[in-house]
């Protein structure tokens, strides 16, 4: 019998030099919806871009990279 498993998604963003792993609030949310979900809690995410997905350690990882403080 063939079984399939969905890999869990995690969302990572850096704040003050530390990586913060954010859990997936809802499997049905798109990565953009997850970004909007966490933006009120982490205001720096309002100007972030989404990098990924990348599969690492049996998880699908998305990175929220802030564009604040960069020129060009």
PDB file of N, CA and C in Angstrom:
ATOM      1  N   UNK A   1       0.835  -1.160   0.000  1.00  0.00           N
ATOM      2  CA  UNK A   1       0.000   0.000   0.000  1.00  0.00           C
ATOM      3  C   UNK A   1       0.899   1.249   0.000  1.00  0.00           C
ATOM      4  N   UNK A   2       0.519   2.205  -0.790  1.00  0.00           N
ATOM      5  CA  UNK A   2       1.273   3.442  -0.919  1.00  0.00           C
ATOM      6  C   UNK A   2       0.676   4.504  -0.002  1.00  0.00           C
ATOM      7  N   UNK A   3       1.528   5.128   0.811  1.00  0.00           N
ATOM      8  CA  UNK A   3       1.069   6.184   1.714  1.00  0.00           C
ATOM      9  C   UNK A   3       1.785   7.477   1.354  1.00  0.00           C
ATOM     10  N   UNK A   4       1.068   8.558   1.473  1.00  0.00           N
ATOM     11  CA  UNK A   4       1.689   9.864   1.249  1.00  0.00           C
ATOM     12  C   UNK A   4       1.541  10.699   2.516  1.00  0.00           C
ATOM     13  N   UNK A   5       2.556  11.457   2.782  1.00  0.00           N
ATOM     14  CA  UNK A   5       2.538  12.370   3.920  1.00  0.00           C
ATOM     15  C   UNK A   5       2.888  13.760   3.420  1.00  0.00           C
ATOM     16  N   UNK A   6       2.164  14.739   3.896  1.00  0.00           N
ATOM     17  CA  UNK A   6       2.495  16.113   3.577  1.00  0.00           C
ATOM     18  C   UNK A   6       3.573  16.592   4.530  1.00  0.00           C
ATOM     19  N   UNK A   7       4.561  17.275   3.981  1.00  0.00           N
ATOM     20  CA  UNK A   7       5.598  17.821   4.829  1.00  0.00           C
ATOM     21  C   UNK A   7       5.075  19.064   5.537  1.00  0.00           C
ATOM     22  N   UNK A   8       5.411  19.221   6.812  1.00  0.00           N
ATOM     23  CA  UNK A   8       4.965  20.421   7.517  1.00  0.00           C
ATOM     24  C   UNK A   8       5.693  21.657   6.998  1.00  0.00           C
ATOM     25  N   UNK A   9       5.008  22.792   7.029  1.00  0.00           N
ATOM     26  CA  UNK A   9       5.612  24.049   6.604  1.00  0.00           C
ATOM     27  C   UNK A   9       6.042  24.834   7.840  1.00  0.00           C
ATOM     28  N   UNK A  10       7.205  25.480   7.733  1.00  0.00           N
ATOM     29  CA  UNK A  10       7.617  26.421   8.755  1.00  0.00           C
ATOM     30  C   UNK A  10       8.031  27.707   8.058  1.00  0.00           C
ATOM     31  N   UNK A  11       7.899  28.780   8.774  1.00  0.00           N
ATOM     32  CA  UNK A  11       8.207  30.097   8.241  1.00  0.00           C
ATOM     33  C   UNK A  11       9.250  30.726   9.158  1.00  0.00           C
ATOM     34  N   UNK A  12      10.318  31.230   8.558  1.00  0.00           N
ATOM     35  CA  UNK A  12      11.453  31.740   9.334  1.00  0.00           C
ATOM     36  C   UNK A  12      11.658  33.206   9.002  1.00  0.00           C
ATOM     37  N   UNK A  13      11.912  33.983  10.052  1.00  0.00           N
ATOM     38  CA  UNK A  13      12.312  35.360   9.819  1.00  0.00           C
ATOM     39  C   UNK A  13      13.333  35.751  10.873  1.00  0.00           C
ATOM     40  N   UNK A  14      14.201  36.686  10.521  1.00  0.00           N
ATOM     41  CA  UNK A  14      15.242  37.137  11.431  1.00  0.00           C
ATOM     42  C   UNK A  14      14.819  38.434  12.096  1.00  0.00           C
ATOM     43  N   UNK A  15      15.032  38.483  13.408  1.00  0.00           N
ATOM     44  CA  UNK A  15      14.762  39.700  14.162  1.00  0.00           C
ATOM     45  C   UNK A  15      15.901  39.878  15.156  1.00  0.00           C
ATOM     46  N   UNK A  16      16.569  41.011  15.074  1.00  0.00           N
ATOM     47  CA  UNK A  16      17.716  41.315  15.944  1.00  0.00           C
ATOM     48  C   UNK A  16      18.795  40.236  15.857  1.00  0.00           C
ATOM     49  N   UNK A  17      19.027  39.714  14.663  1.00  0.00           N
ATOM     50  CA  UNK A  17      20.073  38.722  14.449  1.00  0.00           C
ATOM     51  C   UNK A  17      19.697  37.303  14.833  1.00  0.00           C
ATOM     52  N   UNK A  18      18.494  37.076  15.334  1.00  0.00           N
ATOM     53  CA  UNK A  18      18.066  35.733  15.717  1.00  0.00           C
ATOM     54  C   UNK A  18      16.992  35.236  14.766  1.00  0.00           C
ATOM     55  N   UNK A  19      17.097  33.962  14.404  1.00  0.00           N
ATOM     56  CA  UNK A  19      16.073  33.362  13.557  1.00  0.00           C
ATOM     57  C   UNK A  19      14.888  32.947  14.412  1.00  0.00           C
ATOM     58  N   UNK A  20      13.714  33.348  13.987  1.00  0.00           N
ATOM     59  CA  UNK A  20      12.476  32.989  14.679  1.00  0.00           C
ATOM     60  C   UNK A  20      11.682  32.079  13.758  1.00  0.00           C
ATOM     61  N   UNK A  21      11.324  30.900  14.263  1.00  0.00           N
ATOM     62  CA  UNK A  21      10.510  29.968  13.489  1.00  0.00           C
ATOM     63  C   UNK A  21       9.052  30.194  13.832  1.00  0.00           C
ATOM     64  N   UNK A  22       8.281  30.460  12.814  1.00  0.00           N
ATOM     65  CA  UNK A  22       6.854  30.686  12.987  1.00  0.00           C
ATOM     66  C   UNK A  22       6.105  29.449  12.502  1.00  0.00           C
ATOM     67  N   UNK A  23       5.167  29.000  13.287  1.00  0.00           N
ATOM     68  CA  UNK A  23       4.406  27.810  12.891  1.00  0.00           C
ATOM     69  C   UNK A  23       3.379  28.184  11.834  1.00  0.00           C
ATOM     70  N   UNK A  24       2.890  27.180  11.171  1.00  0.00           N
ATOM     71  CA  UNK A  24       1.897  27.365  10.120  1.00  0.00           C
ATOM     72  C   UNK A  24       0.521  27.532  10.765  1.00  0.00           C
ATOM     73  N   UNK A  25      -0.102  28.709  10.657  1.00  0.00           N
ATOM     74  CA  UNK A  25      -1.393  28.914  11.314  1.00  0.00           C
ATOM     75  C   UNK A  25      -2.537  28.130  10.683  1.00  0.00           C
ATOM     76  N   UNK A  26      -2.429  27.836   9.389  1.00  0.00           N
ATOM     77  CA  UNK A  26      -3.491  27.116   8.698  1.00  0.00           C
ATOM     78  C   UNK A  26      -2.899  26.525   7.418  1.00  0.00           C
ATOM     79  N   UNK A  27      -3.098  25.235   7.213  1.00  0.00           N
ATOM     80  CA  UNK A  27      -2.549  24.573   6.026  1.00  0.00           C
ATOM     81  C   UNK A  27      -3.118  25.131   4.727  1.00  0.00           C
ATOM     82  N   UNK A  28      -4.298  25.710   4.797  1.00  0.00           N
ATOM     83  CA  UNK A  28      -4.938  26.229   3.591  1.00  0.00           C
ATOM     84  C   UNK A  28      -4.448  27.621   3.210  1.00  0.00           C
ATOM     85  N   UNK A  29      -3.704  28.297   4.096  1.00  0.00           N
ATOM     86  CA  UNK A  29      -3.188  29.636   3.794  1.00  0.00           C
ATOM     87  C   UNK A  29      -2.054  29.550   2.787  1.00  0.00           C
ATOM     88  N   UNK A  30      -2.011  30.502   1.881  1.00  0.00           N
ATOM     89  CA  UNK A  30      -0.857  30.635   0.995  1.00  0.00           C
ATOM     90  C   UNK A  30       0.271  31.280   1.803  1.00  0.00           C
ATOM     91  N   UNK A  31       1.511  31.219   1.330  1.00  0.00           N
ATOM     92  CA  UNK A  31       2.604  31.894   2.045  1.00  0.00           C
ATOM     93  C   UNK A  31       2.343  33.397   2.228  1.00  0.00           C
ATOM     94  N   UNK A  32       1.701  34.031   1.248  1.00  0.00           N
ATOM     95  CA  UNK A  32       1.378  35.456   1.375  1.00  0.00           C
ATOM     96  C   UNK A  32       0.366  35.691   2.495  1.00  0.00           C
ATOM     97  N   UNK A  33      -0.605  34.789   2.629  1.00  0.00           N
ATOM     98  CA  UNK A  33      -1.604  34.908   3.687  1.00  0.00           C
ATOM     99  C   UNK A  33      -0.968  34.706   5.061  1.00  0.00           C
ATOM    100  N   UNK A  34       0.004  33.797   5.149  1.00  0.00           N
ATOM    101  CA  UNK A  34       0.716  33.587   6.411  1.00  0.00           C
ATOM    102  C   UNK A  34       1.517  34.847   6.762  1.00  0.00           C
ATOM    103  N   UNK A  35       2.150  35.450   5.769  1.00  0.00           N
ATOM    104  CA  UNK A  35       2.882  36.699   5.985  1.00  0.00           C
ATOM    105  C   UNK A  35       1.941  37.773   6.522  1.00  0.00           C
ATOM    106  N   UNK A  36       0.772  37.902   5.934  1.00  0.00           N
ATOM    107  CA  UNK A  36      -0.214  38.880   6.398  1.00  0.00           C
ATOM    108  C   UNK A  36      -0.759  38.537   7.783  1.00  0.00           C
ATOM    109  N   UNK A  37      -0.837  37.252   8.091  1.00  0.00           N
ATOM    110  CA  UNK A  37      -1.308  36.811   9.403  1.00  0.00           C
ATOM    111  C   UNK A  37      -0.342  37.243  10.509  1.00  0.00           C
ATOM    112  N   UNK A  38       0.966  37.111  10.252  1.00  0.00           N
ATOM    113  CA  UNK A  38       1.976  37.438  11.261  1.00  0.00           C
ATOM    114  C   UNK A  38       2.403  38.910  11.253  1.00  0.00           C
ATOM    115  N   UNK A  39       2.031  39.672  10.253  1.00  0.00           N
ATOM    116  CA  UNK A  39       2.451  41.076  10.159  1.00  0.00           C
ATOM    117  C   UNK A  39       1.998  41.933  11.344  1.00  0.00           C
ATOM    118  N   UNK A  40       0.790  41.766  11.900  1.00  0.00           N
ATOM    119  CA  UNK A  40       0.436  42.573  13.077  1.00  0.00           C
ATOM    120  C   UNK A  40       1.317  42.271  14.300  1.00  0.00           C
ATOM    121  N   UNK A  41       1.777  41.038  14.430  1.00  0.00           N
ATOM    122  CA  UNK A  41       2.634  40.661  15.548  1.00  0.00           C
ATOM    123  C   UNK A  41       4.073  41.108  15.332  1.00  0.00           C
ATOM    124  N   UNK A  42       4.554  40.985  14.099  1.00  0.00           N
ATOM    125  CA  UNK A  42       5.911  41.381  13.726  1.00  0.00           C
ATOM    126  C   UNK A  42       5.817  42.441  12.634  1.00  0.00           C
ATOM    127  N   UNK A  43       5.738  43.725  12.995  1.00  0.00           N
ATOM    128  CA  UNK A  43       5.530  44.783  11.994  1.00  0.00           C
ATOM    129  C   UNK A  43       6.597  44.850  10.904  1.00  0.00           C
ATOM    130  N   UNK A  44       7.783  44.336  11.161  1.00  0.00           N
ATOM    131  CA  UNK A  44       8.836  44.360  10.143  1.00  0.00           C
ATOM    132  C   UNK A  44       8.441  43.521   8.928  1.00  0.00           C
ATOM    133  N   UNK A  45       7.510  42.606   9.099  1.00  0.00           N
ATOM    134  CA  UNK A  45       7.084  41.733   8.000  1.00  0.00           C
ATOM    135  C   UNK A  45       6.225  42.457   6.970  1.00  0.00           C
ATOM    136  N   UNK A  46       5.765  43.653   7.279  1.00  0.00           N
ATOM    137  CA  UNK A  46       4.935  44.372   6.310  1.00  0.00           C
ATOM    138  C   UNK A  46       5.714  44.714   5.042  1.00  0.00           C
ATOM    139  N   UNK A  47       7.031  44.810   5.148  1.00  0.00           N
ATOM    140  CA  UNK A  47       7.873  45.105   3.983  1.00  0.00           C
ATOM    141  C   UNK A  47       8.742  43.911   3.587  1.00  0.00           C
ATOM    142  N   UNK A  48       8.374  42.720   4.020  1.00  0.00           N
ATOM    143  CA  UNK A  48       9.189  41.533   3.758  1.00  0.00           C
ATOM    144  C   UNK A  48       8.815  40.883   2.433  1.00  0.00           C
ATOM    145  N   UNK A  49       9.769  40.133   1.912  1.00  0.00           N
ATOM    146  CA  UNK A  49       9.505  39.319   0.724  1.00  0.00           C
ATOM    147  C   UNK A  49       9.642  37.862   1.119  1.00  0.00           C
ATOM    148  N   UNK A  50       9.012  37.007   0.352  1.00  0.00           N
ATOM    149  CA  UNK A  50       8.999  35.573   0.651  1.00  0.00           C
ATOM    150  C   UNK A  50      10.049  34.884  -0.207  1.00  0.00           C
ATOM    151  N   UNK A  51      10.901  34.104   0.438  1.00  0.00           N
ATOM    152  CA  UNK A  51      11.926  33.326  -0.257  1.00  0.00           C
ATOM    153  C   UNK A  51      11.626  31.854   0.002  1.00  0.00           C
ATOM    154  N   UNK A  52      11.577  31.081  -1.055  1.00  0.00           N
ATOM    155  CA  UNK A  52      11.326  29.661  -0.877  1.00  0.00           C
ATOM    156  C   UNK A  52      10.196  29.213  -1.771  1.00  0.00           C
ATOM    157  N   UNK A  53       9.789  28.021  -1.660  1.00  0.00           N
ATOM    158  CA  UNK A  53      10.034  27.048  -0.605  1.00  0.00           C
ATOM    159  C   UNK A  53      11.343  26.287  -0.808  1.00  0.00           C
ATOM    160  N   UNK A  54      11.863  25.813   0.301  1.00  0.00           N
ATOM    161  CA  UNK A  54      13.074  25.009   0.304  1.00  0.00           C
ATOM    162  C   UNK A  54      12.836  23.863   1.279  1.00  0.00           C
ATOM    163  N   UNK A  55      13.180  22.657   0.873  1.00  0.00           N
ATOM    164  CA  UNK A  55      12.962  21.495   1.731  1.00  0.00           C
ATOM    165  C   UNK A  55      14.242  21.225   2.511  1.00  0.00           C
ATOM    166  N   UNK A  56      14.128  21.308   3.841  1.00  0.00           N
ATOM    167  CA  UNK A  56      15.247  21.030   4.738  1.00  0.00           C
ATOM    168  C   UNK A  56      14.714  20.281   5.947  1.00  0.00           C
ATOM    169  N   UNK A  57      15.422  19.240   6.333  1.00  0.00           N
ATOM    170  CA  UNK A  57      15.074  18.455   7.524  1.00  0.00           C
ATOM    171  C   UNK A  57      13.613  18.007   7.501  1.00  0.00           C
ATOM    172  N   UNK A  58      13.173  17.528   6.361  1.00  0.00           N
ATOM    173  CA  UNK A  58      11.803  17.026   6.187  1.00  0.00           C
ATOM    174  C   UNK A  58      10.740  18.068   6.504  1.00  0.00           C
ATOM    175  N   UNK A  59      11.046  19.322   6.237  1.00  0.00           N
ATOM    176  CA  UNK A  59      10.079  20.401   6.394  1.00  0.00           C
ATOM    177  C   UNK A  59      10.202  21.333   5.199  1.00  0.00           C
ATOM    178  N   UNK A  60       9.099  21.941   4.849  1.00  0.00           N
ATOM    179  CA  UNK A  60       9.115  22.942   3.787  1.00  0.00           C
ATOM    180  C   UNK A  60       9.330  24.289   4.461  1.00  0.00           C
ATOM    181  N   UNK A  61      10.461  24.927   4.131  1.00  0.00           N
ATOM    182  CA  UNK A  61      10.817  26.182   4.780  1.00  0.00           C
ATOM    183  C   UNK A  61      10.613  27.361   3.845  1.00  0.00           C
ATOM    184  N   UNK A  62       9.962  28.362   4.371  1.00  0.00           N
ATOM    185  CA  UNK A  62       9.838  29.649   3.699  1.00  0.00           C
ATOM    186  C   UNK A  62      10.543  30.672   4.573  1.00  0.00           C
ATOM    187  N   UNK A  63      11.219  31.612   3.941  1.00  0.00           N
ATOM    188  CA  UNK A  63      11.884  32.690   4.678  1.00  0.00           C
ATOM    189  C   UNK A  63      11.207  34.009   4.371  1.00  0.00           C
ATOM    190  N   UNK A  64      10.966  34.775   5.419  1.00  0.00           N
ATOM    191  CA  UNK A  64      10.476  36.127   5.272  1.00  0.00           C
ATOM    192  C   UNK A  64      11.681  37.042   5.467  1.00  0.00           C
ATOM    193  N   UNK A  65      12.137  37.654   4.382  1.00  0.00           N
ATOM    194  CA  UNK A  65      13.305  38.520   4.443  1.00  0.00           C
ATOM    195  C   UNK A  65      12.863  39.971   4.338  1.00  0.00           C
ATOM    196  N   UNK A  66      13.239  40.721   5.331  1.00  0.00           N
ATOM    197  CA  UNK A  66      12.860  42.128   5.390  1.00  0.00           C
ATOM    198  C   UNK A  66      13.698  42.932   4.422  1.00  0.00           C
ATOM    199  N   UNK A  67      13.066  43.894   3.784  1.00  0.00           N
ATOM    200  CA  UNK A  67      13.781  44.783   2.859  1.00  0.00           C
ATOM    201  C   UNK A  67      14.139  46.076   3.546  1.00  0.00           C
ATOM    202  N   UNK A  68      13.837  46.209   4.821  1.00  0.00           N
ATOM    203  CA  UNK A  68      14.163  47.423   5.570  1.00  0.00           C
ATOM    204  C   UNK A  68      15.676  47.506   5.770  1.00  0.00           C
ATOM    205  N   UNK A  69      16.215  48.671   5.601  1.00  0.00           N
ATOM    206  CA  UNK A  69      17.629  48.896   5.847  1.00  0.00           C
ATOM    207  C   UNK A  69      18.539  48.517   4.701  1.00  0.00           C
ATOM    208  N   UNK A  70      17.995  48.165   3.562  1.00  0.00           N
ATOM    209  CA  UNK A  70      18.836  47.846   2.412  1.00  0.00           C
ATOM    210  C   UNK A  70      18.630  48.897   1.340  1.00  0.00           C
ATOM    211  N   UNK A  71      19.719  49.232   0.673  1.00  0.00           N
ATOM    212  CA  UNK A  71      19.634  50.215  -0.404  1.00  0.00           C
ATOM    213  C   UNK A  71      19.681  49.508  -1.739  1.00  0.00           C
ATOM    214  N   UNK A  72      19.046  50.114  -2.725  1.00  0.00           N
ATOM    215  CA  UNK A  72      19.178  49.599  -4.067  1.00  0.00           C
ATOM    216  C   UNK A  72      18.118  48.724  -4.532  1.00  0.00           C
TER     217      UNK A  72
END
